[in-house]
Amino acid sequence: MTTRIDTRFAELKSQGRAAFVTYVMAGDPDITTSLNIVKALPKAGADVIELGIPFTDPMADGPSIQAAGLRALKAGMTLKKTLDLVRDFRKDDNVTPLVLMGYYNPIYIYGVDKFLADAKSAGVDGLIIVDLPPEEDNELCIPALKAGLNFIRLATPTTDDKRLPAVLANTSGFVYYVSIAGITGAAAADANVVGEAVARIKRHTKLPICVGFGIRTPEAARAIAEKADGSVVGTALVDALKNSLDAEGRVTAKTVNAVAELTAALAQGVKGAQQAAE
């Protein structure tokens, strides 16, 4: 079965360019603004959207994304409301791939079968669940694939050739390569090191490989896009949102534009990689 993710990467491959993947936290800084931001992303140049599921204990996330999750929780965001947000987004956009990214706990509490049925009907295309290793594939990964959702796995600098086949076994959509060991937003990605890692992973899979963590500028997004099938930016967008809020952490007239403008600049960076290759 072909998902929107598969379709989008096939389109981009035919155009000879990498994907620009954006990450924002669902419900940050409030539910209405969050929907407006998600709607603005494709228009600004996002090819794929990752939507964070707010959670109280996000162990892979740095301070910026942790704070975004707390803002969203404070605004009343839940997993159910995250799915409602996706449903609202789909009223106007039936083509942009949308991936939910988060932790297993909220899904487990929601109920796996109910969650997968609701996510599929809402218009979710894939899942990135960072705390479920391949050894736990029967928990969510296999049921998700059966439900027609891509299950996107993370590979890291410490994922060696022995471990890679297990990581890739039931992965679909794309592989998310974490460019640095550590939490989100911590350090800058080195394009040359990333290039070697992408080449190594490509020996094991035909799936597109998108690189995230440590990409904050159009120049960095472009450098990574020259080495991989996609650049993922999250922390920089979350920071742009945060910096647009008022002293009480509330939305201002600048908020949606702040995220959209940075998205547009980063998208130009990624698209510049194609021109460089031509």
Protein backbone atom coordinates (compact mmCIF):
# COMPACT_ATOMS: atom_id res chain seq x y z
CA MET A 1 0.00 0.00 0.00
CA THR A 2 1.31 3.45 -0.95
CA THR A 3 1.12 6.24 1.61
CA ARG A 4 1.36 10.00 1.10
CA ILE A 5 4.95 9.69 2.37
CA ASP A 6 5.87 7.18 -0.37
CA THR A 7 4.19 9.37 -3.00
CA ARG A 8 5.95 12.54 -1.85
CA PHE A 9 9.44 10.96 -1.83
CA ALA A 10 8.84 9.46 -5.29
CA GLU A 11 7.84 12.93 -6.58
CA LEU A 12 10.92 14.56 -5.04
CA LYS A 13 13.20 11.85 -6.42
CA SER A 14 11.84 12.51 -9.92
CA GLN A 15 12.57 16.22 -9.38
CA GLY A 16 16.08 15.35 -8.21
CA ARG A 17 15.82 17.09 -4.87
CA ALA A 18 15.81 16.31 -1.18
CA ALA A 19 12.80 16.70 1.10
CA PHE A 20 12.43 19.46 3.64
CA VAL A 21 10.86 17.94 6.75
CA THR A 22 9.56 20.25 9.49
CA TYR A 23 8.83 19.40 13.11
CA VAL A 24 6.47 21.36 15.35
CA MET A 25 4.79 20.47 18.62
CA ALA A 26 1.03 19.90 18.42
CA GLY A 27 -0.81 22.42 20.59
CA ASP A 28 2.10 24.85 21.00
CA PRO A 29 1.49 27.59 22.14
CA ASP A 30 -2.27 26.92 21.98
CA ILE A 31 -4.50 24.66 19.92
CA THR A 32 -5.83 27.26 17.45
CA THR A 33 -2.42 28.81 16.73
CA SER A 34 -0.89 25.36 16.37
CA LEU A 35 -3.38 24.46 13.64
CA ASN A 36 -2.65 27.75 11.85
CA ILE A 37 1.09 27.03 12.00
CA VAL A 38 0.66 23.50 10.63
CA LYS A 39 -1.51 24.88 7.79
CA ALA A 40 1.18 27.48 6.99
CA LEU A 41 4.04 24.96 6.74
CA PRO A 42 3.30 23.44 3.29
CA LYS A 43 2.69 26.88 1.79
CA ALA A 44 6.10 27.96 3.15
CA GLY A 45 7.84 24.98 1.55
CA ALA A 46 7.60 22.02 3.95
CA ASP A 47 7.44 18.71 2.06
CA VAL A 48 6.67 16.54 5.10
CA ILE A 49 5.36 17.59 8.52
CA GLU A 50 6.29 15.88 11.77
CA LEU A 51 3.87 16.74 14.54
CA GLY A 52 5.07 16.23 18.10
CA ILE A 53 2.71 14.53 20.56
CA PRO A 54 3.15 16.45 23.84
CA PHE A 55 4.34 14.25 26.70
CA THR A 56 5.46 14.97 30.25
CA ASP A 57 8.72 12.99 30.08
CA PRO A 58 10.31 13.44 26.62
CA MET A 59 13.71 11.83 27.13
CA ALA A 60 15.18 12.40 23.64
CA ASP A 61 14.21 16.06 23.48
CA GLY A 62 16.33 19.05 24.38
CA PRO A 63 15.13 22.04 26.42
CA SER A 64 13.39 23.82 23.50
CA ILE A 65 11.15 20.91 22.53
CA GLN A 66 10.57 19.94 26.17
CA ALA A 67 9.36 23.51 26.81
CA ALA A 68 7.13 23.34 23.71
CA GLY A 69 5.55 20.14 25.00
CA LEU A 70 4.89 21.73 28.39
CA ARG A 71 3.33 24.81 26.73
CA ALA A 72 1.07 22.50 24.73
CA LEU A 73 0.06 20.44 27.78
CA LYS A 74 -0.66 23.63 29.70
CA ALA A 75 -2.89 24.76 26.80
CA GLY A 76 -4.88 21.51 27.20
CA MET A 77 -3.39 19.51 24.33
CA THR A 78 -3.99 15.75 24.42
CA LEU A 79 -3.42 12.87 22.01
CA LYS A 80 -7.11 12.98 21.06
CA LYS A 81 -6.89 16.71 20.33
CA THR A 82 -3.71 16.10 18.32
CA LEU A 83 -5.70 13.74 16.09
CA ASP A 84 -8.47 16.37 15.86
CA LEU A 85 -5.83 18.88 14.71
CA VAL A 86 -4.74 16.46 11.95
CA ARG A 87 -8.39 16.01 10.93
CA ASP A 88 -8.83 19.80 10.71
CA PHE A 89 -5.62 20.14 8.68
CA ARG A 90 -6.82 17.48 6.23
CA LYS A 91 -9.96 19.50 5.39
CA ASP A 92 -7.77 21.78 3.24
CA ASP A 93 -4.74 19.62 2.50
CA ASN A 94 -5.01 16.02 1.41
CA VAL A 95 -1.50 15.64 -0.03
CA THR A 96 1.12 16.79 2.51
CA PRO A 97 2.47 13.79 4.43
CA LEU A 98 1.95 14.06 8.18
CA VAL A 99 3.89 12.02 10.74
CA LEU A 100 3.17 11.88 14.46
CA MET A 101 6.35 11.85 16.54
CA GLY A 102 6.50 11.08 20.21
CA TYR A 103 6.57 8.43 22.91
CA TYR A 104 4.67 5.21 23.43
CA ASN A 105 3.05 6.04 26.78
CA PRO A 106 0.19 8.29 25.49
CA ILE A 107 -0.60 5.75 22.73
CA TYR A 108 -0.57 2.84 25.17
CA ILE A 109 -2.99 4.67 27.45
CA TYR A 110 -5.22 5.63 24.49
CA GLY A 111 -5.26 1.98 23.37
CA VAL A 112 -3.19 0.80 20.39
CA ASP A 113 -6.02 -0.50 18.18
CA LYS A 114 -8.23 2.53 18.85
CA PHE A 115 -5.30 4.87 18.28
CA LEU A 116 -4.33 3.29 14.95
CA ALA A 117 -7.93 3.36 13.68
CA ASP A 118 -8.39 7.00 14.78
CA ALA A 119 -4.97 8.09 13.44
CA LYS A 120 -5.65 6.50 10.05
CA SER A 121 -9.13 8.03 9.77
CA ALA A 122 -7.79 11.45 10.85
CA GLY A 123 -5.24 11.42 8.03
CA VAL A 124 -1.98 10.48 9.76
CA ASP A 125 0.53 8.84 7.40
CA GLY A 126 3.29 7.62 9.68
CA LEU A 127 4.62 7.30 13.20
CA ILE A 128 8.00 7.96 14.81
CA ILE A 129 7.91 6.55 18.33
CA VAL A 130 11.34 7.09 19.77
CA ASP A 131 11.21 4.81 22.80
CA LEU A 132 10.05 1.58 21.09
CA PRO A 133 13.04 -0.52 19.97
CA PRO A 134 12.71 -3.17 17.20
CA GLU A 135 12.48 -5.85 19.91
CA GLU A 136 9.04 -4.42 20.75
CA ASP A 137 7.74 -4.40 17.15
CA ASN A 138 4.64 -6.41 18.06
CA GLU A 139 3.50 -3.63 20.43
CA LEU A 140 2.87 -0.98 17.79
CA CYS A 141 5.08 -1.25 14.70
CA ILE A 142 3.52 -4.38 13.16
CA PRO A 143 -0.08 -3.32 13.97
CA ALA A 144 0.68 0.15 12.49
CA LEU A 145 1.96 -1.36 9.25
CA LYS A 146 -1.15 -3.57 9.05
CA ALA A 147 -3.29 -0.43 9.55
CA GLY A 148 -1.58 1.20 6.55
CA LEU A 149 0.68 3.61 8.44
CA ASN A 150 4.41 3.96 7.86
CA PHE A 151 6.54 3.17 10.90
CA ILE A 152 9.66 5.32 10.69
CA ARG A 153 12.67 4.24 12.66
CA LEU A 154 15.57 6.27 14.04
CA ALA A 155 19.16 5.30 13.26
CA THR A 156 21.97 7.05 15.16
CA PRO A 157 25.76 7.40 14.98
CA THR A 158 25.95 4.46 17.41
CA THR A 159 23.78 2.15 15.24
CA ASP A 160 26.46 -0.16 13.83
CA ASP A 161 26.24 -2.51 10.83
CA LYS A 162 25.30 -5.39 13.11
CA ARG A 163 22.37 -3.48 14.60
CA LEU A 164 21.13 -1.81 11.39
CA PRO A 165 19.23 -4.81 9.92
CA ALA A 166 17.12 -5.07 13.10
CA VAL A 167 16.42 -1.32 13.03
CA LEU A 168 15.45 -1.45 9.34
CA ALA A 169 13.46 -4.72 9.43
CA ASN A 170 9.95 -3.27 9.63
CA THR A 171 10.75 0.36 8.83
CA SER A 172 8.82 2.05 6.04
CA GLY A 173 8.32 5.56 4.63
CA PHE A 174 11.82 6.78 5.37
CA VAL A 175 14.68 6.28 7.81
CA TYR A 176 15.31 9.14 10.24
CA TYR A 177 19.04 9.44 10.80
CA VAL A 178 19.91 11.29 14.01
CA SER A 179 23.06 13.21 13.06
CA ILE A 180 24.47 13.60 16.57
CA ALA A 181 24.58 11.46 19.67
CA GLY A 182 22.50 13.26 22.27
CA ILE A 183 19.32 15.29 22.56
CA THR A 184 17.60 17.56 20.02
CA GLY A 185 19.00 21.04 19.51
CA ALA A 186 22.29 20.26 21.25
CA ALA A 187 24.97 20.57 18.56
CA ALA A 188 25.48 21.23 14.86
CA ALA A 189 25.44 18.41 12.32
CA ASP A 190 28.64 17.83 10.31
CA ALA A 191 27.67 17.30 6.66
CA ASN A 192 30.73 15.20 5.81
CA VAL A 193 30.24 12.83 8.73
CA VAL A 194 26.54 12.65 7.86
CA GLY A 195 27.37 11.87 4.23
CA GLU A 196 29.46 8.84 5.27
CA ALA A 197 26.71 7.63 7.62
CA VAL A 198 24.00 8.00 4.95
CA ALA A 199 26.12 6.04 2.46
CA ARG A 200 26.57 3.27 5.04
CA ILE A 201 22.83 3.03 5.79
CA LYS A 202 22.02 3.05 2.06
CA ARG A 203 23.97 -0.18 1.73
CA HIS A 204 21.26 -1.77 3.90
CA THR A 205 18.05 -0.16 2.59
CA LYS A 206 16.39 1.39 -0.46
CA LEU A 207 14.29 3.72 1.74
CA PRO A 208 14.93 7.48 1.66
CA ILE A 209 17.14 8.70 4.50
CA CYS A 210 16.29 11.99 6.19
CA VAL A 211 18.69 13.61 8.62
CA GLY A 212 17.66 15.55 11.69
CA PHE A 213 19.09 17.01 14.93
CA GLY A 214 21.56 19.88 14.68
CA ILE A 215 20.19 21.64 11.55
CA ARG A 216 19.28 25.26 12.30
CA THR A 217 20.14 27.41 9.29
CA PRO A 218 19.37 27.40 5.53
CA GLU A 219 23.08 26.75 4.90
CA ALA A 220 23.10 23.71 7.18
CA ALA A 221 19.84 22.43 5.68
CA ARG A 222 21.37 22.75 2.22
CA ALA A 223 24.63 21.00 3.21
CA ILE A 224 22.68 18.04 4.63
CA ALA A 225 20.29 17.95 1.64
CA GLU A 226 23.32 17.48 -0.62
CA LYS A 227 24.20 14.29 1.30
CA ALA A 228 20.78 12.83 2.19
CA ASP A 229 17.22 12.43 0.90
CA GLY A 230 15.89 15.01 3.34
CA SER A 231 16.76 17.59 5.99
CA VAL A 232 14.68 17.66 9.18
CA VAL A 233 14.41 20.87 11.22
CA GLY A 234 12.60 21.05 14.55
CA THR A 235 14.32 22.95 17.35
CA ALA A 236 15.00 26.06 15.23
CA LEU A 237 11.30 26.30 14.29
CA VAL A 238 10.21 25.72 17.89
CA ASP A 239 12.63 28.45 19.00
CA ALA A 240 11.27 30.87 16.37
CA LEU A 241 7.79 30.23 17.77
CA LYS A 242 8.91 30.69 21.37
CA ASN A 243 10.73 33.95 20.56
CA SER A 244 7.51 35.37 19.06
CA LEU A 245 5.49 34.91 22.26
CA ASP A 246 4.79 37.63 24.79
CA ALA A 247 6.29 37.77 28.29
CA GLU A 248 3.54 35.43 29.58
CA GLY A 249 4.23 32.89 26.83
CA ARG A 250 1.09 33.75 24.88
CA VAL A 251 0.66 33.98 21.13
CA THR A 252 1.24 37.34 19.41
CA ALA A 253 0.46 38.66 15.93
CA LYS A 254 3.99 37.59 14.92
CA THR A 255 3.82 33.93 15.92
CA VAL A 256 2.54 32.12 12.80
CA ASN A 257 4.65 34.34 10.50
CA ALA A 258 7.80 33.76 12.56
CA VAL A 259 7.56 30.01 11.95
CA ALA A 260 6.45 30.38 8.31
CA GLU A 261 9.28 32.79 7.44
CA LEU A 262 11.98 30.56 8.88
CA THR A 263 10.37 27.55 7.14
CA ALA A 264 10.52 29.41 3.81
CA ALA A 265 14.20 30.32 4.30
CA LEU A 266 15.12 26.74 5.26
CA ALA A 267 13.10 25.34 2.33
CA GLN A 268 15.09 27.59 -0.03
CA GLY A 269 18.27 26.17 1.48
CA VAL A 270 17.15 22.60 0.82
CA LYS A 271 16.03 23.46 -2.71
CA GLY A 272 19.42 25.10 -3.30
CA ALA A 273 21.04 21.71 -2.85
CA GLN A 274 19.32 20.48 -5.99
CA GLN A 275 20.66 23.40 -8.01
CA ALA A 276 24.14 22.70 -6.72
CA ALA A 277 23.89 19.10 -7.89
CA GLU A 278 22.66 19.99 -11.36
